[in-house]
Amino acid sequence: MIEKNQRRVISVIVVNESSVLSRITDLFSARGYNITSLTVAPIPESDYSRLTIVTSGSVRVIEQITKQLHKLIPILKVYEHEDLVEKEMAMVKFPASENIADISTLCEAYNGKIVNVGENVIIVMVADEPKRIENYFKNTLKCSISKPYLDRVLKFLREGGNG
């Protein structure tokens, strides 16, 4: 019987020190595991950070990832999440020549808003469940709006370039 791959979210509490992130990503790459998404943020008023890793694999693979993470130093705790509220944020850059009302209407339907209007670009932010963000991207391409620059990063240049 073939085990089905499952998408999983794992949180890791680590000591803030150099090369911690490198050791964790090396663990994944050395064993052929894929990281779908990785977020790192310091824990306020402490010397620790929380890494949130989205990955996928069979139950056995996820157990192996968790066991291997526990062995790494300076990892303090590893949590595998099953019941959680998950949101994803995306920023999208549209040419300023597009209809701003159409862009605004589409953004509002996906818990988003226009965050910057420049001479050449309109930058919007949407934050919702991952499936809805995926649908937002599909809808931006279906609409009369021309192809926007799509990226799931948390920063954009205000003007010029695609970054």
N, C-alpha and C. Protein backbone atom coordinates (compact mmCIF):
# COMPACT_ATOMS: atom_id res chain seq x y z
N MET A 1 0.84 -1.18 0.00
CA MET A 1 0.00 0.00 0.00
C MET A 1 0.89 1.25 0.00
N ILE A 2 0.59 2.19 -0.90
CA ILE A 2 1.35 3.42 -1.01
C ILE A 2 0.76 4.46 -0.06
N GLU A 3 1.63 5.07 0.75
CA GLU A 3 1.17 6.11 1.67
C GLU A 3 0.96 7.42 0.91
N LYS A 4 -0.10 8.11 1.27
CA LYS A 4 -0.43 9.38 0.64
C LYS A 4 0.40 10.50 1.26
N ASN A 5 0.93 11.39 0.40
CA ASN A 5 1.65 12.55 0.91
C ASN A 5 0.67 13.55 1.49
N GLN A 6 1.03 14.10 2.63
CA GLN A 6 0.20 15.08 3.31
C GLN A 6 0.99 16.36 3.48
N ARG A 7 0.30 17.46 3.39
CA ARG A 7 0.90 18.76 3.66
C ARG A 7 0.90 18.96 5.17
N ARG A 8 2.04 19.33 5.73
CA ARG A 8 2.15 19.51 7.18
C ARG A 8 2.85 20.82 7.51
N VAL A 9 2.49 21.37 8.67
CA VAL A 9 3.11 22.58 9.18
C VAL A 9 3.85 22.20 10.47
N ILE A 10 5.13 22.53 10.51
CA ILE A 10 5.98 22.21 11.66
C ILE A 10 6.57 23.52 12.18
N SER A 11 6.46 23.75 13.48
CA SER A 11 7.09 24.91 14.11
C SER A 11 8.30 24.44 14.90
N VAL A 12 9.35 25.22 14.83
CA VAL A 12 10.59 24.88 15.51
C VAL A 12 11.04 26.11 16.30
N ILE A 13 11.30 25.94 17.58
CA ILE A 13 11.83 27.01 18.41
C ILE A 13 13.34 26.80 18.50
N VAL A 14 14.10 27.84 18.12
CA VAL A 14 15.56 27.73 18.08
C VAL A 14 16.20 28.89 18.83
N VAL A 15 17.44 28.67 19.26
CA VAL A 15 18.24 29.74 19.84
C VAL A 15 18.71 30.62 18.68
N ASN A 16 18.64 31.95 18.87
CA ASN A 16 19.12 32.87 17.84
C ASN A 16 20.64 32.84 17.80
N GLU A 17 21.18 32.12 16.85
CA GLU A 17 22.62 32.12 16.64
C GLU A 17 22.90 31.86 15.18
N SER A 18 24.08 32.22 14.75
CA SER A 18 24.41 32.09 13.33
C SER A 18 24.36 30.63 12.88
N SER A 19 24.00 30.44 11.65
CA SER A 19 23.96 29.16 10.93
C SER A 19 22.84 28.20 11.33
N VAL A 20 21.93 28.61 12.22
CA VAL A 20 20.84 27.71 12.61
C VAL A 20 19.95 27.41 11.40
N LEU A 21 19.57 28.44 10.68
CA LEU A 21 18.71 28.25 9.51
C LEU A 21 19.40 27.37 8.48
N SER A 22 20.67 27.58 8.29
CA SER A 22 21.44 26.79 7.34
C SER A 22 21.44 25.31 7.73
N ARG A 23 21.60 25.02 9.01
CA ARG A 23 21.60 23.62 9.46
C ARG A 23 20.25 22.95 9.23
N ILE A 24 19.18 23.70 9.44
CA ILE A 24 17.85 23.13 9.24
C ILE A 24 17.60 22.88 7.76
N THR A 25 17.92 23.84 6.90
CA THR A 25 17.70 23.62 5.47
C THR A 25 18.63 22.53 4.93
N ASP A 26 19.84 22.44 5.48
CA ASP A 26 20.74 21.35 5.08
C ASP A 26 20.16 19.99 5.43
N LEU A 27 19.52 19.90 6.60
CA LEU A 27 18.89 18.65 7.01
C LEU A 27 17.84 18.22 5.96
N PHE A 28 17.03 19.17 5.53
CA PHE A 28 16.00 18.86 4.54
C PHE A 28 16.62 18.46 3.21
N SER A 29 17.56 19.24 2.71
CA SER A 29 18.13 18.95 1.39
C SER A 29 18.94 17.66 1.38
N ALA A 30 19.67 17.38 2.46
CA ALA A 30 20.49 16.16 2.51
C ALA A 30 19.64 14.89 2.44
N ARG A 31 18.41 14.98 2.91
CA ARG A 31 17.53 13.80 2.93
C ARG A 31 16.50 13.83 1.81
N GLY A 32 16.58 14.84 0.96
CA GLY A 32 15.66 14.92 -0.18
C GLY A 32 14.26 15.38 0.18
N TYR A 33 14.10 16.03 1.33
CA TYR A 33 12.80 16.56 1.73
C TYR A 33 12.63 17.95 1.12
N ASN A 34 11.41 18.32 0.84
CA ASN A 34 11.14 19.62 0.25
C ASN A 34 10.52 20.57 1.28
N ILE A 35 10.95 21.82 1.26
CA ILE A 35 10.33 22.87 2.06
C ILE A 35 9.46 23.69 1.12
N THR A 36 8.15 23.66 1.35
CA THR A 36 7.22 24.42 0.52
C THR A 36 7.24 25.88 0.91
N SER A 37 7.32 26.15 2.21
CA SER A 37 7.32 27.51 2.72
C SER A 37 8.11 27.54 4.02
N LEU A 38 8.79 28.66 4.25
CA LEU A 38 9.59 28.81 5.46
C LEU A 38 9.46 30.25 5.95
N THR A 39 9.07 30.41 7.20
CA THR A 39 8.95 31.73 7.81
C THR A 39 9.74 31.71 9.11
N VAL A 40 10.50 32.77 9.34
CA VAL A 40 11.29 32.89 10.56
C VAL A 40 10.97 34.22 11.22
N ALA A 41 10.75 34.20 12.52
CA ALA A 41 10.48 35.44 13.26
C ALA A 41 11.03 35.31 14.67
N PRO A 42 11.62 36.39 15.19
CA PRO A 42 12.10 36.35 16.58
C PRO A 42 10.93 36.30 17.55
N ILE A 43 11.14 35.64 18.67
CA ILE A 43 10.14 35.63 19.75
C ILE A 43 10.46 36.84 20.62
N PRO A 44 9.49 37.75 20.78
CA PRO A 44 9.75 38.99 21.52
C PRO A 44 10.33 38.75 22.91
N GLU A 45 11.26 39.62 23.27
CA GLU A 45 11.89 39.64 24.60
C GLU A 45 12.52 38.30 24.98
N SER A 46 13.17 37.67 23.99
CA SER A 46 13.86 36.41 24.25
C SER A 46 15.05 36.29 23.30
N ASP A 47 15.83 35.25 23.49
CA ASP A 47 16.95 34.96 22.59
C ASP A 47 16.59 33.84 21.62
N TYR A 48 15.29 33.68 21.34
CA TYR A 48 14.80 32.58 20.52
C TYR A 48 14.04 33.09 19.30
N SER A 49 13.92 32.21 18.31
CA SER A 49 13.11 32.47 17.12
C SER A 49 12.22 31.28 16.85
N ARG A 50 11.13 31.53 16.15
CA ARG A 50 10.23 30.47 15.72
C ARG A 50 10.34 30.34 14.20
N LEU A 51 10.61 29.13 13.76
CA LEU A 51 10.60 28.82 12.34
C LEU A 51 9.33 28.04 12.06
N THR A 52 8.59 28.46 11.07
CA THR A 52 7.40 27.72 10.66
C THR A 52 7.70 27.15 9.28
N ILE A 53 7.70 25.84 9.20
CA ILE A 53 8.07 25.13 7.98
C ILE A 53 6.85 24.41 7.44
N VAL A 54 6.55 24.63 6.17
CA VAL A 54 5.49 23.87 5.50
C VAL A 54 6.18 22.88 4.58
N THR A 55 5.83 21.62 4.74
CA THR A 55 6.43 20.55 3.94
C THR A 55 5.36 19.52 3.62
N SER A 56 5.72 18.50 2.89
CA SER A 56 4.76 17.42 2.63
C SER A 56 5.51 16.09 2.56
N GLY A 57 4.76 15.05 2.83
CA GLY A 57 5.33 13.71 2.79
C GLY A 57 4.39 12.72 3.43
N SER A 58 4.77 11.48 3.38
CA SER A 58 3.97 10.42 4.02
C SER A 58 4.08 10.60 5.53
N VAL A 59 3.25 9.91 6.27
CA VAL A 59 3.31 9.96 7.73
C VAL A 59 4.71 9.59 8.20
N ARG A 60 5.28 8.56 7.60
CA ARG A 60 6.62 8.12 7.97
C ARG A 60 7.66 9.19 7.72
N VAL A 61 7.58 9.88 6.58
CA VAL A 61 8.54 10.94 6.25
C VAL A 61 8.40 12.11 7.23
N ILE A 62 7.18 12.49 7.55
CA ILE A 62 6.96 13.60 8.49
C ILE A 62 7.51 13.22 9.88
N GLU A 63 7.29 12.00 10.30
CA GLU A 63 7.85 11.55 11.59
C GLU A 63 9.37 11.61 11.55
N GLN A 64 9.96 11.21 10.44
CA GLN A 64 11.42 11.23 10.30
C GLN A 64 11.95 12.67 10.34
N ILE A 65 11.27 13.58 9.66
CA ILE A 65 11.67 14.99 9.69
C ILE A 65 11.66 15.51 11.12
N THR A 66 10.57 15.23 11.83
CA THR A 66 10.43 15.69 13.22
C THR A 66 11.54 15.11 14.10
N LYS A 67 11.83 13.82 13.97
CA LYS A 67 12.89 13.20 14.76
C LYS A 67 14.25 13.82 14.45
N GLN A 68 14.53 14.06 13.17
CA GLN A 68 15.81 14.64 12.78
C GLN A 68 15.94 16.08 13.30
N LEU A 69 14.85 16.84 13.28
CA LEU A 69 14.88 18.21 13.81
C LEU A 69 15.18 18.21 15.30
N HIS A 70 14.60 17.25 16.04
CA HIS A 70 14.85 17.16 17.48
C HIS A 70 16.33 16.93 17.79
N LYS A 71 17.05 16.28 16.89
CA LYS A 71 18.46 15.97 17.12
C LYS A 71 19.37 17.17 16.89
N LEU A 72 18.89 18.16 16.15
CA LEU A 72 19.73 19.32 15.86
C LEU A 72 19.87 20.22 17.08
N ILE A 73 21.05 20.74 17.26
CA ILE A 73 21.29 21.72 18.32
C ILE A 73 21.53 23.03 17.60
N PRO A 74 20.94 24.09 17.95
CA PRO A 74 20.28 24.53 19.16
C PRO A 74 18.75 24.58 19.07
N ILE A 75 18.12 23.53 18.61
CA ILE A 75 16.66 23.47 18.57
C ILE A 75 16.14 23.12 19.95
N LEU A 76 15.18 23.91 20.43
CA LEU A 76 14.61 23.67 21.76
C LEU A 76 13.35 22.83 21.70
N LYS A 77 12.45 23.15 20.75
CA LYS A 77 11.19 22.43 20.65
C LYS A 77 10.78 22.28 19.19
N VAL A 78 10.08 21.21 18.89
CA VAL A 78 9.53 20.96 17.56
C VAL A 78 8.07 20.60 17.74
N TYR A 79 7.19 21.32 17.01
CA TYR A 79 5.75 21.05 17.07
C TYR A 79 5.26 20.73 15.67
N GLU A 80 4.49 19.65 15.55
CA GLU A 80 3.82 19.36 14.29
C GLU A 80 2.36 19.76 14.48
N HIS A 81 1.88 20.62 13.62
CA HIS A 81 0.53 21.16 13.77
C HIS A 81 -0.47 20.39 12.91
N GLU A 82 -1.60 20.08 13.50
CA GLU A 82 -2.69 19.46 12.76
C GLU A 82 -3.90 20.35 12.71
N ASP A 83 -4.19 21.04 13.79
CA ASP A 83 -5.36 21.90 13.87
C ASP A 83 -4.90 23.33 14.04
N LEU A 84 -4.96 24.10 12.97
CA LEU A 84 -4.47 25.46 13.07
C LEU A 84 -5.23 26.38 12.13
N VAL A 85 -5.14 27.65 12.41
CA VAL A 85 -5.66 28.68 11.52
C VAL A 85 -4.48 29.15 10.70
N GLU A 86 -4.60 29.07 9.39
CA GLU A 86 -3.47 29.39 8.54
C GLU A 86 -3.86 30.51 7.57
N LYS A 87 -3.03 31.51 7.49
CA LYS A 87 -3.23 32.61 6.56
C LYS A 87 -1.97 32.79 5.74
N GLU A 88 -2.16 33.24 4.54
CA GLU A 88 -1.04 33.50 3.66
C GLU A 88 -1.20 34.92 3.15
N MET A 89 -0.10 35.63 3.03
CA MET A 89 -0.16 36.98 2.51
C MET A 89 0.55 37.03 1.17
N ALA A 90 -0.02 37.75 0.24
CA ALA A 90 0.61 37.93 -1.06
C ALA A 90 0.54 39.41 -1.43
N MET A 91 1.59 39.87 -2.05
CA MET A 91 1.60 41.21 -2.58
C MET A 91 1.70 41.09 -4.09
N VAL A 92 0.92 41.89 -4.79
CA VAL A 92 0.83 41.80 -6.24
C VAL A 92 1.03 43.20 -6.81
N LYS A 93 1.79 43.26 -7.87
CA LYS A 93 2.09 44.53 -8.51
C LYS A 93 1.38 44.58 -9.87
N PHE A 94 0.54 45.59 -10.05
CA PHE A 94 -0.17 45.80 -11.31
C PHE A 94 0.38 47.05 -11.99
N PRO A 95 0.34 47.09 -13.31
CA PRO A 95 0.70 48.34 -13.99
C PRO A 95 -0.30 49.44 -13.60
N ALA A 96 0.16 50.67 -13.44
CA ALA A 96 -0.70 51.78 -13.03
C ALA A 96 -1.75 52.11 -14.10
N SER A 97 -1.57 51.61 -15.30
CA SER A 97 -2.53 51.87 -16.38
C SER A 97 -3.82 51.06 -16.22
N GLU A 98 -3.83 50.08 -15.31
CA GLU A 98 -5.03 49.26 -15.09
C GLU A 98 -6.10 50.04 -14.34
N ASN A 99 -7.34 49.58 -14.44
CA ASN A 99 -8.47 50.21 -13.78
C ASN A 99 -8.37 49.98 -12.28
N ILE A 100 -8.14 51.04 -11.53
CA ILE A 100 -7.93 50.94 -10.09
C ILE A 100 -9.18 50.43 -9.36
N ALA A 101 -10.37 50.76 -9.87
CA ALA A 101 -11.61 50.29 -9.24
C ALA A 101 -11.74 48.77 -9.36
N ASP A 102 -11.39 48.23 -10.54
CA ASP A 102 -11.44 46.77 -10.73
C ASP A 102 -10.44 46.06 -9.80
N ILE A 103 -9.26 46.63 -9.71
CA ILE A 103 -8.24 46.06 -8.84
C ILE A 103 -8.71 46.08 -7.38
N SER A 104 -9.27 47.21 -6.96
CA SER A 104 -9.73 47.36 -5.58
C SER A 104 -10.86 46.38 -5.25
N THR A 105 -11.80 46.22 -6.17
CA THR A 105 -12.93 45.30 -5.96
C THR A 105 -12.44 43.87 -5.80
N LEU A 106 -11.53 43.47 -6.66
CA LEU A 106 -10.99 42.11 -6.58
C LEU A 106 -10.24 41.91 -5.26
N CYS A 107 -9.45 42.90 -4.86
CA CYS A 107 -8.70 42.80 -3.59
C CYS A 107 -9.63 42.63 -2.40
N GLU A 108 -10.68 43.44 -2.35
CA GLU A 108 -11.60 43.40 -1.23
C GLU A 108 -12.28 42.04 -1.09
N ALA A 109 -12.50 41.37 -2.23
CA ALA A 109 -13.13 40.04 -2.20
C ALA A 109 -12.21 39.00 -1.53
N TYR A 110 -10.91 39.31 -1.44
CA TYR A 110 -9.94 38.39 -0.86
C TYR A 110 -9.22 39.00 0.34
N ASN A 111 -9.95 39.77 1.14
CA ASN A 111 -9.40 40.39 2.35
C ASN A 111 -8.15 41.21 2.05
N GLY A 112 -8.18 41.93 0.95
CA GLY A 112 -7.01 42.70 0.56
C GLY A 112 -7.32 44.17 0.38
N LYS A 113 -6.27 44.90 0.05
CA LYS A 113 -6.43 46.32 -0.21
C LYS A 113 -5.25 46.82 -1.03
N ILE A 114 -5.42 47.99 -1.59
CA ILE A 114 -4.34 48.65 -2.30
C ILE A 114 -3.45 49.28 -1.23
N VAL A 115 -2.14 48.99 -1.30
CA VAL A 115 -1.23 49.51 -0.28
C VAL A 115 -0.32 50.62 -0.80
N ASN A 116 -0.21 50.75 -2.13
CA ASN A 116 0.62 51.80 -2.70
C ASN A 116 0.22 52.05 -4.14
N VAL A 117 0.11 53.33 -4.48
CA VAL A 117 -0.14 53.71 -5.87
C VAL A 117 0.98 54.66 -6.27
N GLY A 118 1.75 54.25 -7.24
CA GLY A 118 2.85 55.07 -7.74
C GLY A 118 2.58 55.51 -9.16
N GLU A 119 3.54 56.16 -9.77
CA GLU A 119 3.38 56.60 -11.15
C GLU A 119 3.23 55.44 -12.11
N ASN A 120 3.94 54.35 -11.85
CA ASN A 120 3.97 53.23 -12.80
C ASN A 120 3.30 51.96 -12.31
N VAL A 121 3.11 51.82 -11.01
CA VAL A 121 2.56 50.57 -10.48
C VAL A 121 1.56 50.81 -9.37
N ILE A 122 0.67 49.82 -9.22
CA ILE A 122 -0.26 49.75 -8.09
C ILE A 122 0.11 48.47 -7.36
N ILE A 123 0.37 48.59 -6.06
CA ILE A 123 0.73 47.41 -5.27
C ILE A 123 -0.42 47.09 -4.33
N VAL A 124 -0.85 45.83 -4.36
CA VAL A 124 -1.94 45.39 -3.49
C VAL A 124 -1.45 44.29 -2.57
N MET A 125 -2.15 44.13 -1.46
CA MET A 125 -1.84 43.07 -0.51
C MET A 125 -3.14 42.31 -0.25
N VAL A 126 -3.07 41.00 -0.29
CA VAL A 126 -4.21 40.16 0.09
C VAL A 126 -3.72 39.18 1.14
N ALA A 127 -4.59 38.87 2.09
CA ALA A 127 -4.24 37.93 3.16
C ALA A 127 -5.45 37.04 3.41
N ASP A 128 -5.30 35.76 3.20
CA ASP A 128 -6.42 34.84 3.35
C ASP A 128 -5.87 33.43 3.47
N GLU A 129 -6.77 32.46 3.47
CA GLU A 129 -6.36 31.06 3.51
C GLU A 129 -5.61 30.73 2.21
N PRO A 130 -4.65 29.81 2.27
CA PRO A 130 -3.84 29.51 1.09
C PRO A 130 -4.65 29.17 -0.16
N LYS A 131 -5.73 28.41 -0.04
CA LYS A 131 -6.55 28.07 -1.21
C LYS A 131 -7.19 29.31 -1.82
N ARG A 132 -7.62 30.23 -0.96
CA ARG A 132 -8.22 31.48 -1.46
C ARG A 132 -7.17 32.37 -2.13
N ILE A 133 -5.96 32.38 -1.62
CA ILE A 133 -4.89 33.15 -2.27
C ILE A 133 -4.61 32.56 -3.66
N GLU A 134 -4.61 31.25 -3.74
CA GLU A 134 -4.43 30.59 -5.03
C GLU A 134 -5.54 30.99 -6.00
N ASN A 135 -6.79 31.02 -5.50
CA ASN A 135 -7.92 31.46 -6.33
C ASN A 135 -7.79 32.92 -6.73
N TYR A 136 -7.28 33.75 -5.83
CA TYR A 136 -7.06 35.16 -6.15
C TYR A 136 -6.11 35.27 -7.34
N PHE A 137 -5.00 34.53 -7.30
CA PHE A 137 -4.06 34.57 -8.41
C PHE A 137 -4.74 34.15 -9.71
N LYS A 138 -5.53 33.09 -9.67
CA LYS A 138 -6.24 32.63 -10.87
C LYS A 138 -7.20 33.70 -11.38
N ASN A 139 -7.91 34.36 -10.47
CA ASN A 139 -8.86 35.39 -10.87
C ASN A 139 -8.19 36.63 -11.44
N THR A 140 -7.01 36.96 -10.95
CA THR A 140 -6.32 38.11 -11.53
C THR A 140 -5.94 37.84 -12.97
N LEU A 141 -5.72 36.59 -13.30
CA LEU A 141 -5.36 36.23 -14.66
C LEU A 141 -6.59 36.08 -15.56
N LYS A 142 -7.75 35.74 -15.00
CA LYS A 142 -8.99 35.57 -15.76
C LYS A 142 -9.67 36.89 -16.10
N CYS A 143 -9.52 37.85 -15.21
CA CYS A 143 -10.22 39.12 -15.36
C CYS A 143 -9.71 39.89 -16.56
N SER A 144 -10.39 41.01 -16.84
CA SER A 144 -9.95 41.87 -17.91
C SER A 144 -8.64 42.58 -17.55
N ILE A 145 -8.25 42.43 -16.29
CA ILE A 145 -6.98 43.00 -15.84
C ILE A 145 -5.87 42.23 -16.53
N SER A 146 -4.89 42.96 -17.07
CA SER A 146 -3.78 42.27 -17.73
C SER A 146 -2.93 41.56 -16.68
N LYS A 147 -2.02 40.71 -17.15
CA LYS A 147 -1.21 39.90 -16.22
C LYS A 147 -0.47 40.78 -15.22
N PRO A 148 -0.72 40.58 -13.94
CA PRO A 148 0.05 41.30 -12.93
C PRO A 148 1.35 40.56 -12.65
N TYR A 149 2.25 41.22 -11.95
CA TYR A 149 3.43 40.53 -11.44
C TYR A 149 2.99 39.84 -10.17
N LEU A 150 3.14 38.54 -10.10
CA LEU A 150 2.70 37.79 -8.92
C LEU A 150 3.91 37.33 -8.14
N ASP A 151 3.87 37.56 -6.85
CA ASP A 151 4.96 37.11 -6.01
C ASP A 151 4.44 36.99 -4.59
N ARG A 152 4.90 35.99 -3.87
CA ARG A 152 4.47 35.80 -2.49
C ARG A 152 5.57 36.21 -1.53
N VAL A 153 6.17 37.33 -1.80
CA VAL A 153 7.19 37.85 -0.89
C VAL A 153 6.58 38.99 -0.10
N LEU A 154 7.26 39.39 0.95
CA LEU A 154 6.72 40.41 1.82
C LEU A 154 7.31 41.78 1.56
N LYS A 155 8.02 41.95 0.46
CA LYS A 155 8.53 43.27 0.15
C LYS A 155 8.47 43.50 -1.35
N PHE A 156 8.32 44.76 -1.72
CA PHE A 156 8.30 45.17 -3.11
C PHE A 156 9.01 46.50 -3.22
N LEU A 157 9.64 46.73 -4.32
CA LEU A 157 10.13 48.06 -4.62
C LEU A 157 8.91 48.92 -4.92
N ARG A 158 8.90 50.19 -4.49
CA ARG A 158 7.76 51.05 -4.75
C ARG A 158 7.61 51.33 -6.24
N GLU A 159 8.68 51.52 -6.94
CA GLU A 159 8.64 51.83 -8.36
C GLU A 159 9.69 51.02 -9.09
N GLY A 160 9.42 50.72 -10.35
CA GLY A 160 10.41 50.09 -11.21
C GLY A 160 10.72 48.64 -10.85
N GLY A 161 11.15 47.89 -11.82
CA GLY A 161 11.57 46.51 -11.61
C GLY A 161 10.41 45.60 -11.24
N ASN A 162 10.70 44.30 -11.20
CA ASN A 162 9.69 43.31 -10.86
C ASN A 162 9.82 42.86 -9.41
N GLY A 163 10.78 43.35 -8.68
CA GLY A 163 11.05 42.86 -7.33
C GLY A 163 10.43 43.70 -6.32
